[in-house]
Amino acid sequence: MSAVLSLPLETPVLEQPLPPSEPATLFQLHADFVSIRGVRLPRAELVDRSLFTPERREQLRDQLMAGAPFPHLVLENIFNPALLELVLEEFEAQSDNWTDVKSRYESTRRSVLGPTLGPATQLYFDIIHSGWFIDWLSSLTGVPYLLSDPKLFGGGLHESRTGATFAVHRDFNRHRHLGLKNEMVFITYLNKGWHPDWGSGLELWDKKHNRCVTTVQPEFGRTILLPHGPVSYHGHTKPLQAPDGRPRRSVAAYYYTSPLAGKQHGDESASVFMKTHKVDRVKAFARMMTPPAVWLLARKVTGRA
C-alpha cells in the first residue's frame, strides 16, 4: 500500500488486489477510495489537501518559525476524522504490542518496535511516511533529505493512563539503532472532548526562564509538528486525571537525516561495473592523479558537478 499512497494526491490509481493477510471484509483498496471495516474513505479526502498548496506551505512555515518558546506547528484536522476514528478503535486490538515505561521521570506505554498494526493505523503511517508528505514536511521545516522510520522507534501508538506524567525533556538526538540524526516528531492526538482540567496537556517550556509558555491540549484530530533542537523542551507534568478513567492516546512518528545527506560522494554513489570502457579507465586514472580540488573545479567548469 505504501507504493500506492506515495503517488501524488491527484494521480488515479488502478484497483489493487487485496493483501493476502487481510480479509476482504476488513480492508479494500479501490481506484478512488479505501474501505476499512465497512467505512469508505475517499483517497482524495484522506488529508486536507488545501494545506499542500505553495501559498499554504509558506504560511505554515512562517507560523512554525514564529512558535513560542521554540519553533513548532499545531494543525487542526489535517487527517480525515473517519480515518482517525478507525485508528482509535485499533488501540484496543494492540494487547500484545505494548511496552510499559515507568520511571521517576515518566509513566506511559508505547507500541513495540516494528509493531503489527491494524489497517487504519497502517494507512495513517503509510500516508505520513510517503514521499509527497515528507516533501511537505521538508518545505515547512527547511530540512531537506528527511528520512522516515517504518519500524517507528520511539513512535507508533502512545497511551497514558490515570496518574501518568512525563517530565520536561528533550527527545533523543540519534536513532538508537540507525545512528541517524533526529530532526522532528509528528504527533496526532485521538482524545475526544478533552478538558484541560484532566491534565496531560503537552507543555512547551522555556528552558532559560524555567517556565511553561504554551500548552497543547491532546484533542482529537489535533496534530503537532515539533522540530528537535537544543531548546525543544516539552512534557506533560500534570498527572492525568480524567473523571471516567479514559486514557490519553496519540500516534507519533520521528523523522531523521543522515550525516552524509546532500554531500558529494563521488564513486561511492555510482554503480560499479565489472568491465569498464577504455575511456572510463583513462578518466579514472586522471582523477587518481589529480588533486581533488582541481578535479571538482574541472567538473564545475564543464557542467558535470
Protein backbone atom coordinates (compact mmCIF):
# COMPACT_ATOMS: atom_id res chain seq x y z
CA MET A 1 0.00 0.00 0.00
CA SER A 2 2.90 2.37 0.54
CA ALA A 3 3.60 2.38 -3.18
CA VAL A 4 0.04 3.44 -3.90
CA LEU A 5 -0.01 6.26 -1.38
CA SER A 6 3.39 7.60 -2.42
CA LEU A 7 1.88 8.78 -5.69
CA PRO A 8 0.80 12.44 -5.99
CA LEU A 9 -2.61 13.04 -4.43
CA GLU A 10 -4.37 13.72 -7.73
CA THR A 11 -3.00 10.65 -9.55
CA PRO A 12 -5.64 7.99 -10.35
CA VAL A 13 -4.82 4.53 -9.02
CA LEU A 14 -5.88 1.26 -10.59
CA GLU A 15 -7.75 -1.21 -8.41
CA GLN A 16 -5.27 -3.25 -6.38
CA PRO A 17 -5.59 -6.88 -5.25
CA LEU A 18 -6.29 -7.42 -1.57
CA PRO A 19 -3.23 -8.04 0.59
CA PRO A 20 -3.15 -11.80 1.31
CA SER A 21 -3.04 -11.16 5.07
CA GLU A 22 -6.21 -9.04 5.13
CA PRO A 23 -9.72 -10.48 4.72
CA ALA A 24 -11.89 -8.77 2.12
CA THR A 25 -14.35 -7.56 4.77
CA LEU A 26 -11.59 -5.77 6.71
CA PHE A 27 -9.63 -3.85 4.13
CA GLN A 28 -10.22 -2.98 0.49
CA LEU A 29 -8.33 -0.61 -1.80
CA HIS A 30 -10.05 0.66 -4.92
CA ALA A 31 -9.32 3.31 -7.53
CA ASP A 32 -10.94 6.16 -5.60
CA PHE A 33 -11.49 5.01 -2.04
CA VAL A 34 -10.20 2.81 0.76
CA SER A 35 -12.68 0.67 2.70
CA ILE A 36 -11.85 -0.42 6.26
CA ARG A 37 -14.37 -2.39 8.29
CA GLY A 38 -17.14 -1.08 6.07
CA VAL A 39 -16.09 2.59 6.31
CA ARG A 40 -15.35 4.16 2.92
CA LEU A 41 -12.54 6.71 2.89
CA PRO A 42 -12.16 8.65 -0.40
CA ARG A 43 -8.49 8.77 -1.34
CA ALA A 44 -8.72 12.46 -2.17
CA GLU A 45 -10.03 13.17 1.34
CA LEU A 46 -7.52 11.25 3.48
CA VAL A 47 -5.77 14.54 4.24
CA ASP A 48 -6.74 18.20 3.94
CA ARG A 49 -5.23 18.92 0.54
CA SER A 50 -5.57 22.68 0.96
CA LEU A 51 -2.55 22.58 3.30
CA PHE A 52 -0.27 21.42 0.47
CA THR A 53 -0.57 24.40 -1.88
CA PRO A 54 2.52 26.61 -2.28
CA GLU A 55 0.77 29.51 -0.54
CA ARG A 56 -0.27 27.45 2.48
CA ARG A 57 3.19 25.89 2.75
CA GLU A 58 4.70 29.36 3.04
CA GLN A 59 2.11 30.43 5.61
CA LEU A 60 2.61 27.30 7.68
CA ARG A 61 6.39 27.69 7.57
CA ASP A 62 6.07 31.24 8.91
CA GLN A 63 3.68 30.01 11.59
CA LEU A 64 6.06 27.24 12.62
CA MET A 65 9.04 29.58 12.89
CA ALA A 66 7.01 32.04 14.98
CA GLY A 67 6.09 29.36 17.51
CA ALA A 68 6.97 30.06 21.14
CA PRO A 69 9.01 29.19 23.13
CA PHE A 70 10.63 27.42 20.16
CA PRO A 71 9.52 26.62 16.60
CA HIS A 72 6.56 24.27 16.37
CA LEU A 73 3.34 23.95 14.44
CA VAL A 74 -0.14 22.93 15.62
CA LEU A 75 -2.59 21.81 12.94
CA GLU A 76 -6.29 21.04 13.26
CA ASN A 77 -7.99 18.22 11.33
CA ILE A 78 -5.27 17.58 8.77
CA PHE A 79 -6.48 13.97 8.58
CA ASN A 80 -9.94 12.67 7.74
CA PRO A 81 -11.68 12.23 11.13
CA ALA A 82 -13.24 8.94 9.95
CA LEU A 83 -9.70 7.56 9.46
CA LEU A 84 -8.69 8.67 12.95
CA GLU A 85 -11.85 7.09 14.41
CA LEU A 86 -10.72 3.78 12.92
CA VAL A 87 -7.19 4.27 14.25
CA LEU A 88 -8.61 4.86 17.73
CA GLU A 89 -10.65 1.64 17.52
CA GLU A 90 -7.48 -0.31 16.77
CA PHE A 91 -5.81 0.66 20.05
CA GLU A 92 -7.95 -1.99 21.73
CA ALA A 93 -6.55 -4.68 19.42
CA GLN A 94 -2.93 -3.98 20.43
CA SER A 95 -2.99 -6.10 23.60
CA ASP A 96 0.31 -7.85 22.87
CA ASN A 97 2.16 -4.99 21.21
CA TRP A 98 2.85 -2.68 24.17
CA THR A 99 5.94 -1.70 26.12
CA ASP A 100 5.23 -0.16 29.54
CA VAL A 101 7.67 2.58 30.54
CA LYS A 102 7.77 3.53 34.22
CA SER A 103 10.46 5.57 35.94
CA ARG A 104 10.79 8.61 38.19
CA TYR A 105 10.53 10.73 35.03
CA GLU A 106 7.70 9.14 33.08
CA SER A 107 4.80 6.73 33.13
CA THR A 108 3.47 5.73 29.73
CA ARG A 109 3.13 2.86 27.29
CA ARG A 110 4.20 2.64 23.68
CA SER A 111 3.79 0.12 20.91
CA VAL A 112 6.76 -2.21 20.45
CA LEU A 113 9.45 -1.67 17.81
CA GLY A 114 8.10 -2.75 14.43
CA PRO A 115 4.54 -3.34 15.63
CA THR A 116 1.86 -5.23 13.73
CA LEU A 117 -0.68 -2.50 13.07
CA GLY A 118 -4.36 -2.52 12.21
CA PRO A 119 -5.26 -1.48 8.65
CA ALA A 120 -6.35 2.06 9.55
CA THR A 121 -3.26 2.69 11.68
CA GLN A 122 -1.05 1.29 8.93
CA LEU A 123 -2.78 3.59 6.45
CA TYR A 124 -2.10 6.61 8.68
CA PHE A 125 1.62 5.78 8.84
CA ASP A 126 1.76 4.96 5.11
CA ILE A 127 0.46 8.48 4.46
CA ILE A 128 2.91 10.31 6.72
CA HIS A 129 5.83 8.18 5.51
CA SER A 130 5.07 8.72 1.80
CA GLY A 131 7.34 10.78 -0.40
CA TRP A 132 4.89 13.63 -1.06
CA PHE A 133 4.11 14.01 2.65
CA ILE A 134 7.78 14.04 3.64
CA ASP A 135 8.43 16.63 0.90
CA TRP A 136 5.72 18.76 2.53
CA LEU A 137 7.40 18.43 5.95
CA SER A 138 10.73 19.45 4.41
CA SER A 139 9.13 22.51 2.82
CA LEU A 140 7.71 23.59 6.19
CA THR A 141 10.82 22.99 8.30
CA GLY A 142 13.56 23.75 5.78
CA VAL A 143 15.18 20.38 6.50
CA PRO A 144 15.98 18.52 3.25
CA TYR A 145 16.52 14.78 2.77
CA LEU A 146 14.21 13.73 5.61
CA LEU A 147 14.02 10.00 6.31
CA SER A 148 11.17 8.09 7.95
CA ASP A 149 11.45 5.02 10.17
CA PRO A 150 8.94 2.27 9.26
CA LYS A 151 9.75 0.42 12.50
CA LEU A 152 8.65 3.52 14.47
CA PHE A 153 11.44 3.67 17.06
CA GLY A 154 10.13 5.86 19.89
CA GLY A 155 6.91 6.43 17.96
CA GLY A 156 3.92 4.33 16.95
CA LEU A 157 0.97 4.17 19.33
CA HIS A 158 1.26 6.08 22.64
CA GLU A 159 -1.05 5.72 25.59
CA SER A 160 -1.07 7.27 29.07
CA ARG A 161 -3.36 6.17 31.89
CA THR A 162 -4.64 7.68 35.13
CA GLY A 163 -1.85 9.36 37.11
CA ALA A 164 0.61 9.31 34.20
CA THR A 165 3.11 12.14 33.73
CA PHE A 166 6.13 12.82 31.54
CA ALA A 167 8.79 15.14 32.99
CA VAL A 168 10.03 18.07 30.90
CA HIS A 169 12.67 16.77 28.47
CA ARG A 170 14.19 16.99 25.02
CA ASP A 171 13.85 13.98 22.74
CA PHE A 172 16.80 11.78 21.82
CA ASN A 173 19.44 13.15 19.44
CA ARG A 174 20.03 9.99 17.39
CA HIS A 175 18.16 6.86 16.45
CA ARG A 176 19.41 4.15 18.78
CA HIS A 177 19.82 1.52 16.05
CA LEU A 178 20.48 3.50 12.86
CA GLY A 179 22.58 6.39 14.17
CA LEU A 180 20.54 8.89 12.16
CA LYS A 181 20.01 12.41 13.48
CA ASN A 182 16.58 13.08 14.97
CA GLU A 183 15.06 16.13 13.25
CA MET A 184 11.44 16.21 14.41
CA VAL A 185 8.46 14.35 15.80
CA PHE A 186 4.94 14.38 14.32
CA ILE A 187 2.10 13.60 16.74
CA THR A 188 -1.65 13.27 16.15
CA TYR A 189 -3.98 13.12 19.15
CA LEU A 190 -7.05 10.89 19.41
CA ASN A 191 -8.93 12.11 22.51
CA LYS A 192 -12.47 13.41 22.11
CA GLY A 193 -13.78 16.21 24.29
CA TRP A 194 -10.56 16.56 26.24
CA HIS A 195 -10.81 19.01 29.15
CA PRO A 196 -7.71 20.94 30.32
CA ASP A 197 -8.57 20.16 33.96
CA TRP A 198 -7.85 16.50 33.27
CA GLY A 199 -4.11 17.25 32.92
CA SER A 200 -1.66 15.76 30.40
CA GLY A 201 -1.66 18.73 28.04
CA LEU A 202 1.62 18.90 26.12
CA GLU A 203 3.64 21.68 27.76
CA LEU A 204 6.31 23.56 25.77
CA TRP A 205 8.90 25.02 28.13
CA ASP A 206 11.28 27.95 28.02
CA LYS A 207 14.46 26.43 29.43
CA LYS A 208 16.14 29.78 30.08
CA HIS A 209 13.31 31.06 32.28
CA ASN A 210 12.23 27.63 33.53
CA ARG A 211 8.56 28.06 32.74
CA CYS A 212 5.83 26.62 30.55
CA VAL A 213 4.96 29.02 27.72
CA THR A 214 2.46 27.03 25.65
CA THR A 215 0.21 24.07 26.41
CA VAL A 216 -1.27 21.99 23.58
CA GLN A 217 -4.33 20.02 24.66
CA PRO A 218 -4.40 16.46 23.21
CA GLU A 219 -7.76 16.91 21.47
CA PHE A 220 -8.98 14.52 18.76
CA GLY A 221 -7.69 15.46 15.30
CA ARG A 222 -5.07 17.90 16.58
CA THR A 223 -1.53 17.39 15.24
CA ILE A 224 1.73 18.94 16.40
CA LEU A 225 4.96 19.09 14.41
CA LEU A 226 7.81 19.52 16.87
CA PRO A 227 11.29 20.10 15.40
CA HIS A 228 14.09 18.73 17.59
CA GLY A 229 16.71 21.13 18.91
CA PRO A 230 18.77 22.20 21.91
CA VAL A 231 15.86 24.15 23.47
CA SER A 232 12.89 21.98 22.44
CA TYR A 233 11.90 21.03 25.99
CA HIS A 234 8.42 19.61 26.45
CA GLY A 235 6.41 17.20 28.59
CA HIS A 236 3.13 16.77 30.44
CA THR A 237 3.78 17.35 34.11
CA LYS A 238 0.18 17.48 35.37
CA PRO A 239 -0.97 13.94 36.22
CA LEU A 240 -3.70 12.50 34.03
CA GLN A 241 -7.00 12.57 35.95
CA ALA A 242 -9.88 12.02 33.54
CA PRO A 243 -13.12 11.55 35.51
CA ASP A 244 -14.06 8.32 33.74
CA GLY A 245 -10.54 6.84 33.72
CA ARG A 246 -10.15 7.27 29.98
CA PRO A 247 -6.56 7.05 28.62
CA ARG A 248 -4.71 9.74 26.67
CA ARG A 249 -3.89 8.38 23.20
CA SER A 250 -1.87 9.51 20.20
CA VAL A 251 0.08 8.24 17.21
CA ALA A 252 3.59 9.56 16.58
CA ALA A 253 6.48 9.28 14.16
CA TYR A 254 10.02 10.67 14.11
CA TYR A 255 11.91 11.90 11.06
CA TYR A 256 15.66 11.81 10.59
CA THR A 257 18.57 12.92 8.43
CA SER A 258 21.81 11.20 7.55
CA PRO A 259 25.13 12.94 8.36
CA LEU A 260 26.08 12.38 4.70
CA ALA A 261 22.87 13.81 3.23
CA GLY A 262 23.43 16.33 0.45
CA LYS A 263 27.19 15.79 0.33
CA GLN A 264 29.25 14.80 -2.70
CA HIS A 265 30.05 11.08 -2.52
CA GLY A 266 31.95 10.60 -5.78
CA ASP A 267 32.36 6.98 -6.85
CA GLU A 268 30.56 5.71 -3.72
CA SER A 269 27.22 6.87 -5.15
CA ALA A 270 27.72 5.23 -8.56
CA SER A 271 27.29 1.67 -9.78
CA VAL A 272 30.46 -0.42 -10.11
CA PHE A 273 30.75 -2.32 -13.39
CA MET A 274 32.80 -5.48 -13.69
CA LYS A 275 34.18 -4.38 -17.08
CA THR A 276 34.68 -0.69 -17.92
CA HIS A 277 35.20 1.15 -21.18
CA LYS A 278 38.72 2.26 -22.11
CA VAL A 279 37.70 5.95 -21.97
CA ASP A 280 36.38 5.49 -18.43
CA ARG A 281 39.60 3.79 -17.35
CA VAL A 282 41.56 6.77 -18.63
CA LYS A 283 39.26 9.14 -16.72
CA ALA A 284 39.66 7.10 -13.54
CA PHE A 285 43.46 7.25 -13.86
CA ALA A 286 43.36 11.01 -14.50
CA ARG A 287 41.19 11.51 -11.45
CA MET A 288 43.53 9.45 -9.30
CA MET A 289 46.47 11.62 -10.40
CA THR A 290 44.63 14.96 -9.98
CA PRO A 291 44.23 16.80 -6.65
CA PRO A 292 40.56 16.61 -5.53
CA ALA A 293 40.09 20.39 -5.55
CA VAL A 294 41.31 20.64 -9.16
CA TRP A 295 39.11 17.71 -10.22
CA LEU A 296 35.99 19.27 -8.67
CA LEU A 297 36.77 22.64 -10.29
CA ALA A 298 37.13 20.98 -13.67
CA ARG A 299 33.74 19.24 -13.27
CA LYS A 300 32.07 22.52 -12.36
CA VAL A 301 33.58 24.28 -15.38
CA THR A 302 32.37 21.51 -17.70
CA GLY A 303 28.94 21.46 -16.06
CA ARG A 304 29.29 17.95 -14.65
CA ALA A 305 29.50 18.83 -10.94
